[in-house]
Amino acid sequence: MNNTEQQTYPKGFFPVHISICENTYPKESTADDATCHKIDIKLLVDRFILLAKEKYDLHIISNSHISRTNQAEATIAIPFPDRENIRIDFNIFASEMEDEGYHSLYFHMESAF
């Protein structure tokens, strides 16, 4: 992240990058996996952001979708004390999405600092 991007969120906030994409490793396809291909992955990123906004003071720095790789990502800023809690929430969200049948997706969160 460059200095210009660092100025797009308030002092005391921690930038976090999230991404959701299809796994690229070969595996057996299941009926549940077919469901995954019918949904725009960007909707899942947006869904997580909406859920997180209900709980945290959240600032969206960027939000994009790369259709050729079927990947969606966002960079958000969250108050520094909440940085670990949002990681926990993202892991819970990923687990819930797997329970809903999205087995072929890869959920990733990392610091954008």
N, C-alpha and C. Protein backbone atom coordinates (compact mmCIF):
# COMPACT_ATOMS: atom_id res chain seq x y z
N MET A 1 0.85 -1.16 0.00
CA MET A 1 0.00 0.00 0.00
C MET A 1 0.90 1.23 0.00
N ASN A 2 0.59 2.20 -0.83
CA ASN A 2 1.40 3.41 -0.87
C ASN A 2 0.84 4.47 0.06
N ASN A 3 1.55 5.58 0.17
CA ASN A 3 1.14 6.63 1.11
C ASN A 3 -0.20 7.24 0.76
N THR A 4 -0.53 7.33 -0.52
CA THR A 4 -1.82 7.88 -0.93
C THR A 4 -2.96 7.01 -0.40
N GLU A 5 -2.84 5.68 -0.53
CA GLU A 5 -3.88 4.79 -0.05
C GLU A 5 -4.00 4.84 1.47
N GLN A 6 -2.90 5.03 2.16
CA GLN A 6 -2.94 5.10 3.62
C GLN A 6 -3.76 6.29 4.10
N GLN A 7 -3.84 7.33 3.30
CA GLN A 7 -4.58 8.52 3.69
C GLN A 7 -6.08 8.38 3.47
N THR A 8 -6.53 7.28 2.87
CA THR A 8 -7.96 7.12 2.58
C THR A 8 -8.76 6.55 3.74
N TYR A 9 -8.12 6.27 4.85
CA TYR A 9 -8.85 5.79 6.01
C TYR A 9 -8.38 6.56 7.24
N PRO A 10 -9.23 6.69 8.24
CA PRO A 10 -8.91 7.51 9.41
C PRO A 10 -7.77 6.94 10.26
N LYS A 11 -7.13 7.83 10.97
CA LYS A 11 -6.08 7.44 11.90
C LYS A 11 -6.68 6.52 12.96
N GLY A 12 -5.92 5.49 13.33
CA GLY A 12 -6.41 4.53 14.31
C GLY A 12 -7.12 3.35 13.69
N PHE A 13 -7.19 3.32 12.37
CA PHE A 13 -7.82 2.22 11.66
C PHE A 13 -6.76 1.31 11.06
N PHE A 14 -7.11 0.06 10.88
CA PHE A 14 -6.20 -0.96 10.38
C PHE A 14 -6.71 -1.46 9.04
N PRO A 15 -5.90 -1.39 7.97
CA PRO A 15 -6.36 -1.86 6.66
C PRO A 15 -6.24 -3.37 6.53
N VAL A 16 -7.29 -3.98 5.97
CA VAL A 16 -7.34 -5.43 5.80
C VAL A 16 -7.79 -5.72 4.36
N HIS A 17 -7.12 -6.67 3.73
CA HIS A 17 -7.47 -7.08 2.37
C HIS A 17 -8.17 -8.44 2.45
N ILE A 18 -9.36 -8.54 1.85
CA ILE A 18 -10.07 -9.81 1.79
C ILE A 18 -10.25 -10.20 0.33
N SER A 19 -10.22 -11.50 0.08
CA SER A 19 -10.48 -11.98 -1.28
C SER A 19 -11.19 -13.33 -1.21
N ILE A 20 -12.01 -13.55 -2.22
CA ILE A 20 -12.70 -14.82 -2.39
C ILE A 20 -12.53 -15.20 -3.85
N CYS A 21 -12.07 -16.42 -4.08
CA CYS A 21 -11.90 -16.88 -5.45
C CYS A 21 -12.14 -18.37 -5.52
N GLU A 22 -12.26 -18.85 -6.73
CA GLU A 22 -12.41 -20.28 -6.92
C GLU A 22 -11.06 -20.96 -6.72
N ASN A 23 -11.08 -22.11 -6.05
CA ASN A 23 -9.86 -22.90 -5.94
C ASN A 23 -9.43 -23.34 -7.33
N THR A 24 -8.14 -23.37 -7.56
CA THR A 24 -7.65 -23.75 -8.88
C THR A 24 -7.11 -25.18 -8.90
N TYR A 25 -7.07 -25.81 -7.74
CA TYR A 25 -6.56 -27.18 -7.72
C TYR A 25 -7.63 -28.14 -8.22
N PRO A 26 -7.23 -29.19 -8.94
CA PRO A 26 -8.23 -30.14 -9.45
C PRO A 26 -8.79 -31.00 -8.33
N LYS A 27 -10.08 -31.21 -8.39
CA LYS A 27 -10.73 -32.10 -7.43
C LYS A 27 -12.03 -32.58 -8.05
N GLU A 28 -12.62 -33.55 -7.42
CA GLU A 28 -13.89 -34.07 -7.93
C GLU A 28 -14.98 -33.02 -7.76
N SER A 29 -15.79 -32.87 -8.77
CA SER A 29 -16.89 -31.93 -8.71
C SER A 29 -18.09 -32.60 -8.06
N THR A 30 -18.82 -31.84 -7.28
CA THR A 30 -20.02 -32.35 -6.63
C THR A 30 -21.20 -31.48 -7.05
N ALA A 31 -22.38 -31.92 -6.72
CA ALA A 31 -23.58 -31.14 -7.04
C ALA A 31 -23.54 -29.80 -6.32
N ASP A 32 -22.99 -29.78 -5.09
CA ASP A 32 -22.89 -28.53 -4.35
C ASP A 32 -21.98 -27.53 -5.06
N ASP A 33 -20.90 -28.02 -5.68
CA ASP A 33 -19.98 -27.13 -6.38
C ASP A 33 -20.65 -26.44 -7.56
N ALA A 34 -21.59 -27.09 -8.17
CA ALA A 34 -22.29 -26.49 -9.31
C ALA A 34 -23.03 -25.23 -8.88
N THR A 35 -23.52 -25.20 -7.66
CA THR A 35 -24.20 -24.04 -7.13
C THR A 35 -23.26 -22.84 -7.09
N CYS A 36 -22.03 -23.09 -6.71
CA CYS A 36 -21.04 -22.03 -6.57
C CYS A 36 -20.82 -21.30 -7.88
N HIS A 37 -20.80 -22.00 -8.98
CA HIS A 37 -20.50 -21.38 -10.27
C HIS A 37 -21.63 -20.48 -10.74
N LYS A 38 -22.81 -20.60 -10.16
CA LYS A 38 -23.94 -19.79 -10.58
C LYS A 38 -24.00 -18.45 -9.87
N ILE A 39 -23.20 -18.25 -8.84
CA ILE A 39 -23.24 -17.01 -8.07
C ILE A 39 -22.04 -16.14 -8.42
N ASP A 40 -22.27 -14.87 -8.45
CA ASP A 40 -21.19 -13.91 -8.64
C ASP A 40 -20.42 -13.83 -7.32
N ILE A 41 -19.15 -14.15 -7.36
CA ILE A 41 -18.35 -14.17 -6.14
C ILE A 41 -18.30 -12.79 -5.49
N LYS A 42 -18.43 -11.74 -6.28
CA LYS A 42 -18.42 -10.38 -5.71
C LYS A 42 -19.58 -10.21 -4.73
N LEU A 43 -20.68 -10.90 -4.97
CA LEU A 43 -21.81 -10.80 -4.05
C LEU A 43 -21.45 -11.33 -2.67
N LEU A 44 -20.58 -12.35 -2.61
CA LEU A 44 -20.16 -12.88 -1.31
C LEU A 44 -19.28 -11.87 -0.57
N VAL A 45 -18.38 -11.21 -1.29
CA VAL A 45 -17.54 -10.17 -0.66
C VAL A 45 -18.44 -9.05 -0.14
N ASP A 46 -19.39 -8.62 -0.98
CA ASP A 46 -20.31 -7.57 -0.56
C ASP A 46 -21.16 -8.00 0.64
N ARG A 47 -21.55 -9.26 0.65
CA ARG A 47 -22.34 -9.79 1.77
C ARG A 47 -21.54 -9.73 3.07
N PHE A 48 -20.27 -10.13 3.01
CA PHE A 48 -19.44 -10.06 4.22
C PHE A 48 -19.27 -8.62 4.68
N ILE A 49 -19.04 -7.71 3.74
CA ILE A 49 -18.86 -6.31 4.11
C ILE A 49 -20.12 -5.75 4.77
N LEU A 50 -21.29 -6.08 4.24
CA LEU A 50 -22.54 -5.62 4.85
C LEU A 50 -22.70 -6.16 6.27
N LEU A 51 -22.39 -7.44 6.45
CA LEU A 51 -22.47 -8.02 7.79
C LEU A 51 -21.48 -7.36 8.75
N ALA A 52 -20.28 -7.09 8.26
CA ALA A 52 -19.25 -6.46 9.10
C ALA A 52 -19.62 -5.02 9.44
N LYS A 53 -20.25 -4.32 8.50
CA LYS A 53 -20.66 -2.93 8.75
C LYS A 53 -21.69 -2.84 9.87
N GLU A 54 -22.49 -3.89 10.03
CA GLU A 54 -23.47 -3.89 11.12
C GLU A 54 -22.80 -3.96 12.48
N LYS A 55 -21.60 -4.51 12.52
CA LYS A 55 -20.92 -4.76 13.79
C LYS A 55 -19.76 -3.80 14.06
N TYR A 56 -19.13 -3.30 13.00
CA TYR A 56 -17.91 -2.50 13.14
C TYR A 56 -18.04 -1.17 12.41
N ASP A 57 -17.23 -0.21 12.84
CA ASP A 57 -17.07 1.05 12.11
C ASP A 57 -16.10 0.75 10.98
N LEU A 58 -16.64 0.50 9.81
CA LEU A 58 -15.87 -0.03 8.68
C LEU A 58 -15.80 1.00 7.56
N HIS A 59 -14.62 1.14 6.95
CA HIS A 59 -14.44 2.01 5.80
C HIS A 59 -13.96 1.16 4.63
N ILE A 60 -14.62 1.29 3.48
CA ILE A 60 -14.21 0.55 2.29
C ILE A 60 -13.18 1.39 1.55
N ILE A 61 -12.01 0.81 1.34
CA ILE A 61 -10.96 1.50 0.61
C ILE A 61 -11.07 1.17 -0.88
N SER A 62 -11.26 -0.10 -1.19
CA SER A 62 -11.46 -0.52 -2.59
C SER A 62 -12.28 -1.80 -2.60
N ASN A 63 -12.96 -2.02 -3.73
CA ASN A 63 -13.79 -3.21 -3.88
C ASN A 63 -13.81 -3.52 -5.37
N SER A 64 -13.32 -4.71 -5.75
CA SER A 64 -13.24 -5.02 -7.17
C SER A 64 -13.55 -6.48 -7.46
N HIS A 65 -13.78 -6.76 -8.72
CA HIS A 65 -14.07 -8.11 -9.19
C HIS A 65 -13.24 -8.36 -10.43
N ILE A 66 -12.54 -9.48 -10.47
CA ILE A 66 -11.73 -9.86 -11.62
C ILE A 66 -12.43 -11.05 -12.27
N SER A 67 -13.18 -10.81 -13.33
CA SER A 67 -14.04 -11.85 -13.89
C SER A 67 -13.26 -12.98 -14.55
N ARG A 68 -12.12 -12.70 -15.15
CA ARG A 68 -11.40 -13.78 -15.83
C ARG A 68 -10.88 -14.83 -14.86
N THR A 69 -10.62 -14.44 -13.63
CA THR A 69 -10.17 -15.40 -12.62
C THR A 69 -11.28 -15.75 -11.64
N ASN A 70 -12.46 -15.15 -11.85
CA ASN A 70 -13.59 -15.34 -10.94
C ASN A 70 -13.17 -15.10 -9.50
N GLN A 71 -12.62 -13.91 -9.28
CA GLN A 71 -12.13 -13.51 -7.97
C GLN A 71 -12.69 -12.14 -7.62
N ALA A 72 -13.07 -11.97 -6.38
CA ALA A 72 -13.51 -10.67 -5.88
C ALA A 72 -12.68 -10.35 -4.65
N GLU A 73 -12.39 -9.07 -4.50
CA GLU A 73 -11.57 -8.66 -3.37
C GLU A 73 -11.96 -7.27 -2.92
N ALA A 74 -11.60 -6.97 -1.70
CA ALA A 74 -11.85 -5.64 -1.15
C ALA A 74 -10.77 -5.33 -0.13
N THR A 75 -10.50 -4.06 0.00
CA THR A 75 -9.62 -3.58 1.06
C THR A 75 -10.48 -2.69 1.93
N ILE A 76 -10.51 -3.01 3.20
CA ILE A 76 -11.33 -2.28 4.15
C ILE A 76 -10.45 -1.80 5.30
N ALA A 77 -10.93 -0.80 6.01
CA ALA A 77 -10.23 -0.32 7.20
C ALA A 77 -11.17 -0.46 8.38
N ILE A 78 -10.62 -0.93 9.46
CA ILE A 78 -11.40 -1.23 10.66
C ILE A 78 -10.66 -0.65 11.87
N PRO A 79 -11.35 -0.23 12.91
CA PRO A 79 -10.65 0.28 14.09
C PRO A 79 -9.62 -0.74 14.58
N PHE A 80 -8.45 -0.24 14.95
CA PHE A 80 -7.34 -1.11 15.33
C PHE A 80 -7.72 -2.15 16.38
N PRO A 81 -8.48 -1.80 17.41
CA PRO A 81 -8.84 -2.83 18.41
C PRO A 81 -9.69 -3.98 17.87
N ASP A 82 -10.37 -3.76 16.75
CA ASP A 82 -11.26 -4.78 16.19
C ASP A 82 -10.59 -5.66 15.14
N ARG A 83 -9.30 -5.48 14.92
CA ARG A 83 -8.62 -6.19 13.82
C ARG A 83 -8.66 -7.71 13.97
N GLU A 84 -8.56 -8.23 15.16
CA GLU A 84 -8.61 -9.69 15.34
C GLU A 84 -10.04 -10.20 15.30
N ASN A 85 -10.97 -9.40 15.80
CA ASN A 85 -12.37 -9.82 15.79
C ASN A 85 -12.92 -9.96 14.38
N ILE A 86 -12.51 -9.08 13.48
CA ILE A 86 -13.00 -9.20 12.11
C ILE A 86 -12.40 -10.42 11.42
N ARG A 87 -11.19 -10.79 11.79
CA ARG A 87 -10.59 -12.02 11.25
C ARG A 87 -11.39 -13.24 11.69
N ILE A 88 -11.80 -13.24 12.94
CA ILE A 88 -12.63 -14.33 13.45
C ILE A 88 -13.96 -14.37 12.70
N ASP A 89 -14.57 -13.20 12.52
CA ASP A 89 -15.84 -13.13 11.80
C ASP A 89 -15.70 -13.60 10.36
N PHE A 90 -14.58 -13.28 9.71
CA PHE A 90 -14.36 -13.71 8.33
C PHE A 90 -14.21 -15.23 8.27
N ASN A 91 -13.52 -15.82 9.24
CA ASN A 91 -13.39 -17.27 9.29
C ASN A 91 -14.76 -17.94 9.51
N ILE A 92 -15.57 -17.37 10.36
CA ILE A 92 -16.91 -17.89 10.59
C ILE A 92 -17.74 -17.76 9.31
N PHE A 93 -17.63 -16.63 8.63
CA PHE A 93 -18.35 -16.41 7.37
C PHE A 93 -17.93 -17.45 6.34
N ALA A 94 -16.63 -17.71 6.22
CA ALA A 94 -16.14 -18.71 5.26
C ALA A 94 -16.70 -20.09 5.60
N SER A 95 -16.73 -20.42 6.88
CA SER A 95 -17.27 -21.70 7.31
C SER A 95 -18.76 -21.81 6.99
N GLU A 96 -19.50 -20.74 7.22
CA GLU A 96 -20.93 -20.73 6.91
C GLU A 96 -21.17 -20.88 5.41
N MET A 97 -20.34 -20.25 4.60
CA MET A 97 -20.48 -20.37 3.15
C MET A 97 -20.18 -21.81 2.70
N GLU A 98 -19.22 -22.44 3.34
CA GLU A 98 -18.94 -23.85 3.03
C GLU A 98 -20.14 -24.71 3.41
N ASP A 99 -20.75 -24.41 4.55
CA ASP A 99 -21.95 -25.14 4.97
C ASP A 99 -23.11 -24.95 3.98
N GLU A 100 -23.12 -23.79 3.31
CA GLU A 100 -24.17 -23.52 2.33
C GLU A 100 -23.87 -24.16 0.98
N GLY A 101 -22.71 -24.80 0.86
CA GLY A 101 -22.41 -25.53 -0.36
C GLY A 101 -21.33 -24.95 -1.24
N TYR A 102 -20.67 -23.90 -0.80
CA TYR A 102 -19.62 -23.28 -1.61
C TYR A 102 -18.26 -23.89 -1.27
N HIS A 103 -18.11 -25.15 -1.64
CA HIS A 103 -16.89 -25.89 -1.29
C HIS A 103 -15.70 -25.55 -2.17
N SER A 104 -15.94 -24.99 -3.35
CA SER A 104 -14.84 -24.76 -4.28
C SER A 104 -14.28 -23.33 -4.17
N LEU A 105 -14.60 -22.64 -3.10
CA LEU A 105 -14.11 -21.27 -2.93
C LEU A 105 -12.97 -21.21 -1.94
N TYR A 106 -12.09 -20.25 -2.17
CA TYR A 106 -10.96 -19.99 -1.29
C TYR A 106 -11.16 -18.61 -0.67
N PHE A 107 -11.21 -18.54 0.64
CA PHE A 107 -11.41 -17.29 1.38
C PHE A 107 -10.08 -16.89 1.99
N HIS A 108 -9.68 -15.63 1.77
CA HIS A 108 -8.38 -15.20 2.27
C HIS A 108 -8.48 -13.78 2.83
N MET A 109 -7.87 -13.58 3.99
CA MET A 109 -7.79 -12.26 4.61
C MET A 109 -6.38 -12.03 5.07
N GLU A 110 -5.87 -10.82 4.82
CA GLU A 110 -4.51 -10.48 5.27
C GLU A 110 -4.44 -8.98 5.53
N SER A 111 -3.43 -8.61 6.26
CA SER A 111 -3.19 -7.20 6.52
C SER A 111 -2.84 -6.50 5.21
N ALA A 112 -3.34 -5.30 5.03
CA ALA A 112 -3.02 -4.51 3.84
C ALA A 112 -2.09 -3.37 4.21
N PHE A 113 -1.44 -3.47 5.34
CA PHE A 113 -0.57 -2.40 5.84
C PHE A 113 0.76 -2.46 5.18
